[in-house]
Amino acid sequence: MNLTHYRESARKHGVPSAFCEFAFHAARRTANVTVWNAVVVTMDTVDKTFLEEKNRQGRFLSARELHAFAKEPEYELAEDFLGRALARQNRCFGFVENGVLASYGWYATGPTEAGDGLVLRFDPAYAYMYKGFTHPRHRGQRLHAIGMAAALAEFTREGKKGLVSYVDASNLSSMKSCLRMGYRTFGHVLLMKTKRGVFTSATRGCQAYRFGVETLAD
């Protein structure tokens, strides 16, 4: 047990949150149980200061650009992932600064692989945000949040109601960042790995967004 980590977590997020983080980590280690916080952000809830950032010009990146960046391991864009994502017509919104892919996030408008033979489904009235990345040299500049806010504005103009996503319940820093940007929690998804596969369950709040996980076989 990393006591230093939990002391720091209690200092940053408070004792109750740190205790919950410990409980989620323990559940994962002892029972292979993971809990996701399902979240949504719309133009009504987003912190407008992230939309007013004028010094950063993000955009949806072309397939050609992405394949070029995929040649560099530092960007965490494996070719097999890239091929599947582009085949599903998923889009990547990112910031390219002086030839460096400073930050990016992926967006889907249909069912999307969620690892471990799972597929995540959601109301197509929303876009699903996943796989966020910020280059080490550009961290601490709020690029991930600025990018999500800009992508939200673009998808809203295209007719979407907003963005849905999930955050591992044990990741307090990411959850805090999402809430600060304007995301709101609407439900939870539980995943439990067993010898027969992965058991999944979603709370009632997920129904309004048709948000849930199932196996690829289903």
Protein backbone atom coordinates (compact mmCIF):
# COMPACT_ATOMS: atom_id res chain seq x y z
CA MET A 1 0.00 0.00 0.00
CA ASN A 2 1.36 3.42 -1.00
CA LEU A 3 0.54 5.50 2.10
CA THR A 4 2.34 8.54 0.68
CA HIS A 5 -0.02 8.54 -2.30
CA TYR A 6 -3.13 8.44 -0.12
CA ARG A 7 -1.81 11.16 2.21
CA GLU A 8 -1.24 13.38 -0.82
CA SER A 9 -4.66 12.47 -2.16
CA ALA A 10 -6.26 13.44 1.18
CA ARG A 11 -4.43 16.76 1.09
CA LYS A 12 -5.59 17.54 -2.44
CA HIS A 13 -9.10 16.11 -2.45
CA GLY A 14 -10.09 15.65 1.19
CA VAL A 15 -10.17 12.62 3.47
CA PRO A 16 -13.57 11.24 2.29
CA SER A 17 -12.48 11.28 -1.35
CA ALA A 18 -9.13 9.70 -0.52
CA PHE A 19 -10.91 6.95 1.40
CA CYS A 20 -13.16 6.28 -1.62
CA GLU A 21 -10.10 6.12 -3.85
CA PHE A 22 -8.56 3.54 -1.50
CA ALA A 23 -11.79 1.52 -1.53
CA PHE A 24 -11.96 1.52 -5.35
CA HIS A 25 -8.32 0.43 -5.59
CA ALA A 26 -8.92 -2.33 -3.05
CA ALA A 27 -11.99 -3.56 -4.93
CA ARG A 28 -9.98 -3.74 -8.13
CA ARG A 29 -7.14 -5.67 -6.51
CA THR A 30 -9.21 -8.14 -4.51
CA ALA A 31 -12.35 -8.64 -6.61
CA ASN A 32 -11.43 -7.35 -10.10
CA VAL A 33 -14.14 -4.70 -9.77
CA THR A 34 -13.93 -1.33 -11.52
CA VAL A 35 -16.38 1.56 -11.25
CA TRP A 36 -16.77 4.28 -13.88
CA ASN A 37 -18.36 7.67 -13.32
CA ALA A 38 -20.51 8.42 -16.39
CA VAL A 39 -20.40 12.14 -17.19
CA VAL A 40 -21.93 14.63 -19.63
CA VAL A 41 -21.13 18.22 -20.63
CA THR A 42 -23.22 20.59 -22.75
CA MET A 43 -22.91 24.20 -23.83
CA ASP A 44 -25.15 25.09 -20.87
CA THR A 45 -22.81 23.56 -18.28
CA VAL A 46 -19.33 24.08 -19.76
CA ASP A 47 -17.11 26.66 -18.10
CA LYS A 48 -17.06 29.39 -20.75
CA THR A 49 -13.52 30.43 -19.88
CA PHE A 50 -12.30 27.32 -21.70
CA LEU A 51 -14.12 28.51 -24.83
CA GLU A 52 -12.57 31.96 -24.63
CA GLU A 53 -8.99 30.72 -24.99
CA LYS A 54 -7.77 32.52 -28.14
CA ASN A 55 -4.07 31.63 -27.98
CA ARG A 56 -4.70 27.96 -28.80
CA GLN A 57 -6.02 26.91 -32.19
CA GLY A 58 -7.30 23.34 -32.10
CA ARG A 59 -8.92 21.45 -34.97
CA PHE A 60 -9.95 18.02 -36.17
CA LEU A 61 -6.84 16.31 -37.53
CA SER A 62 -6.73 14.57 -40.90
CA ALA A 63 -6.03 10.86 -41.31
CA ARG A 64 -2.79 11.73 -43.08
CA GLU A 65 -1.57 13.82 -40.14
CA LEU A 66 -2.52 11.14 -37.64
CA HIS A 67 -0.70 8.39 -39.53
CA ALA A 68 2.40 10.61 -39.61
CA PHE A 69 2.24 11.20 -35.85
CA ALA A 70 1.61 7.48 -35.25
CA LYS A 71 5.18 6.80 -36.37
CA GLU A 72 6.37 8.40 -33.12
CA PRO A 73 5.72 6.20 -30.02
CA GLU A 74 5.58 9.26 -27.76
CA TYR A 75 2.14 10.15 -29.13
CA GLU A 76 0.55 6.83 -28.09
CA LEU A 77 -1.15 6.36 -31.46
CA ALA A 78 -0.63 2.72 -32.38
CA GLU A 79 -1.39 1.97 -36.02
CA ASP A 80 -3.83 -0.83 -35.17
CA PHE A 81 -5.84 1.52 -32.92
CA LEU A 82 -5.69 4.27 -35.52
CA GLY A 83 -6.94 1.97 -38.26
CA ARG A 84 -9.93 0.82 -36.19
CA ALA A 85 -10.82 4.32 -35.02
CA LEU A 86 -10.72 5.84 -38.49
CA ALA A 87 -12.66 2.90 -39.95
CA ARG A 88 -15.45 3.71 -37.46
CA GLN A 89 -15.23 7.34 -38.61
CA ASN A 90 -14.11 8.49 -35.18
CA ARG A 91 -12.45 11.90 -35.17
CA CYS A 92 -9.46 13.31 -33.35
CA PHE A 93 -9.45 16.93 -32.16
CA GLY A 94 -5.98 18.17 -31.35
CA PHE A 95 -3.43 20.94 -31.11
CA VAL A 96 -0.35 20.93 -33.33
CA GLU A 97 2.27 23.44 -32.23
CA ASN A 98 5.60 23.82 -34.02
CA GLY A 99 5.27 20.35 -35.50
CA VAL A 100 4.48 18.74 -32.12
CA LEU A 101 1.15 17.08 -31.39
CA ALA A 102 0.68 18.91 -28.10
CA SER A 103 -2.67 17.39 -27.10
CA TYR A 104 -5.56 15.42 -28.55
CA GLY A 105 -8.85 13.73 -27.73
CA TRP A 106 -10.87 11.18 -29.69
CA TYR A 107 -14.60 11.45 -30.40
CA ALA A 108 -17.09 8.83 -31.54
CA THR A 109 -20.70 9.11 -32.63
CA GLY A 110 -21.45 5.38 -32.52
CA PRO A 111 -20.62 2.26 -30.45
CA THR A 112 -16.95 2.19 -29.51
CA GLU A 113 -14.54 -0.46 -28.22
CA ALA A 114 -13.83 -0.07 -24.51
CA GLY A 115 -11.15 -2.75 -24.04
CA ASP A 116 -11.38 -6.29 -22.64
CA GLY A 117 -13.74 -7.34 -25.45
CA LEU A 118 -16.29 -4.68 -24.48
CA VAL A 119 -18.19 -2.11 -26.49
CA LEU A 120 -19.60 1.12 -25.07
CA ARG A 121 -22.98 2.31 -26.34
CA PHE A 122 -24.65 5.68 -25.84
CA ASP A 123 -27.39 7.93 -27.18
CA PRO A 124 -26.30 9.03 -30.70
CA ALA A 125 -27.66 12.49 -29.92
CA TYR A 126 -24.34 12.91 -28.10
CA ALA A 127 -20.71 12.42 -29.08
CA TYR A 128 -18.53 10.22 -26.90
CA MET A 129 -15.14 11.56 -25.84
CA TYR A 130 -12.30 9.10 -25.12
CA LYS A 131 -8.51 8.63 -25.19
CA GLY A 132 -7.25 12.03 -24.13
CA PHE A 133 -3.52 12.75 -24.37
CA THR A 134 -1.24 15.69 -23.63
CA HIS A 135 2.43 15.71 -24.58
CA PRO A 136 4.71 15.89 -21.50
CA ARG A 137 6.17 19.21 -22.66
CA HIS A 138 2.70 20.77 -22.78
CA ARG A 139 1.14 19.48 -19.58
CA GLY A 140 -0.17 21.96 -17.03
CA GLN A 141 -1.58 24.25 -19.72
CA ARG A 142 -5.20 22.98 -19.56
CA LEU A 143 -4.97 21.85 -23.20
CA HIS A 144 -7.08 18.75 -22.61
CA ALA A 145 -9.96 20.78 -21.16
CA ILE A 146 -9.61 23.54 -23.78
CA GLY A 147 -9.70 20.90 -26.51
CA MET A 148 -12.81 19.22 -25.10
CA ALA A 149 -14.58 22.57 -24.84
CA ALA A 150 -13.68 23.44 -28.44
CA ALA A 151 -14.77 20.01 -29.68
CA LEU A 152 -18.02 20.37 -27.73
CA ALA A 153 -18.70 23.65 -29.53
CA GLU A 154 -18.00 22.03 -32.91
CA PHE A 155 -20.26 19.04 -32.25
CA THR A 156 -23.00 21.32 -30.94
CA ARG A 157 -22.89 23.29 -34.19
CA GLU A 158 -23.25 19.96 -36.01
CA GLY A 159 -26.43 19.23 -34.04
CA LYS A 160 -25.23 17.14 -31.08
CA LYS A 161 -26.59 17.83 -27.60
CA GLY A 162 -23.19 17.51 -25.92
CA LEU A 163 -20.42 15.11 -24.98
CA VAL A 164 -20.60 12.00 -22.82
CA SER A 165 -17.65 10.14 -21.36
CA TYR A 166 -16.55 8.24 -18.29
CA VAL A 167 -13.85 8.60 -15.65
CA ASP A 168 -12.49 5.76 -13.53
CA ALA A 169 -13.94 6.47 -10.08
CA SER A 170 -10.50 5.99 -8.50
CA ASN A 171 -8.96 8.75 -10.67
CA LEU A 172 -9.72 11.73 -8.45
CA SER A 173 -7.54 14.19 -10.36
CA SER A 174 -9.21 13.47 -13.71
CA MET A 175 -12.66 13.62 -12.13
CA LYS A 176 -11.87 16.95 -10.50
CA SER A 177 -10.62 18.31 -13.83
CA CYS A 178 -13.79 17.19 -15.63
CA LEU A 179 -16.07 18.74 -13.01
CA ARG A 180 -14.10 21.98 -13.18
CA MET A 181 -14.62 22.12 -16.94
CA GLY A 182 -18.38 21.59 -16.64
CA TYR A 183 -19.00 17.85 -16.82
CA ARG A 184 -21.75 16.48 -14.57
CA THR A 185 -22.09 12.91 -13.30
CA PHE A 186 -25.29 11.20 -14.45
CA GLY A 187 -24.63 7.60 -13.42
CA HIS A 188 -22.14 4.83 -12.80
CA VAL A 189 -21.02 1.67 -14.59
CA LEU A 190 -19.70 -1.34 -12.70
CA LEU A 191 -17.40 -3.89 -14.34
CA MET A 192 -16.36 -7.15 -12.67
CA LYS A 193 -13.93 -9.55 -14.31
CA THR A 194 -14.69 -13.22 -13.75
CA LYS A 195 -13.42 -16.49 -15.22
CA ARG A 196 -16.41 -16.43 -17.57
CA GLY A 197 -15.75 -12.91 -18.83
CA VAL A 198 -16.69 -9.41 -17.73
CA PHE A 199 -19.95 -8.72 -15.90
CA THR A 200 -21.26 -5.18 -16.40
CA SER A 201 -24.06 -3.17 -14.86
CA ALA A 202 -25.18 0.46 -15.17
CA THR A 203 -27.13 2.54 -12.68
CA ARG A 204 -30.56 3.97 -13.50
CA GLY A 205 -29.14 7.40 -14.30
CA CYS A 206 -27.42 5.94 -17.36
CA GLN A 207 -30.75 5.08 -18.98
CA ALA A 208 -31.49 8.67 -20.02
CA TYR A 209 -28.28 8.65 -22.07
CA ARG A 210 -28.57 5.00 -23.17
CA PHE A 211 -25.09 4.70 -21.71
CA GLY A 212 -23.78 1.23 -20.99
CA VAL A 213 -21.23 -1.47 -21.73
CA GLU A 214 -21.69 -4.93 -23.23
CA THR A 215 -19.47 -7.62 -24.68
CA LEU A 216 -18.61 -7.54 -28.36
CA ALA A 217 -20.30 -10.93 -28.72
CA ASP A 218 -23.59 -9.38 -27.55
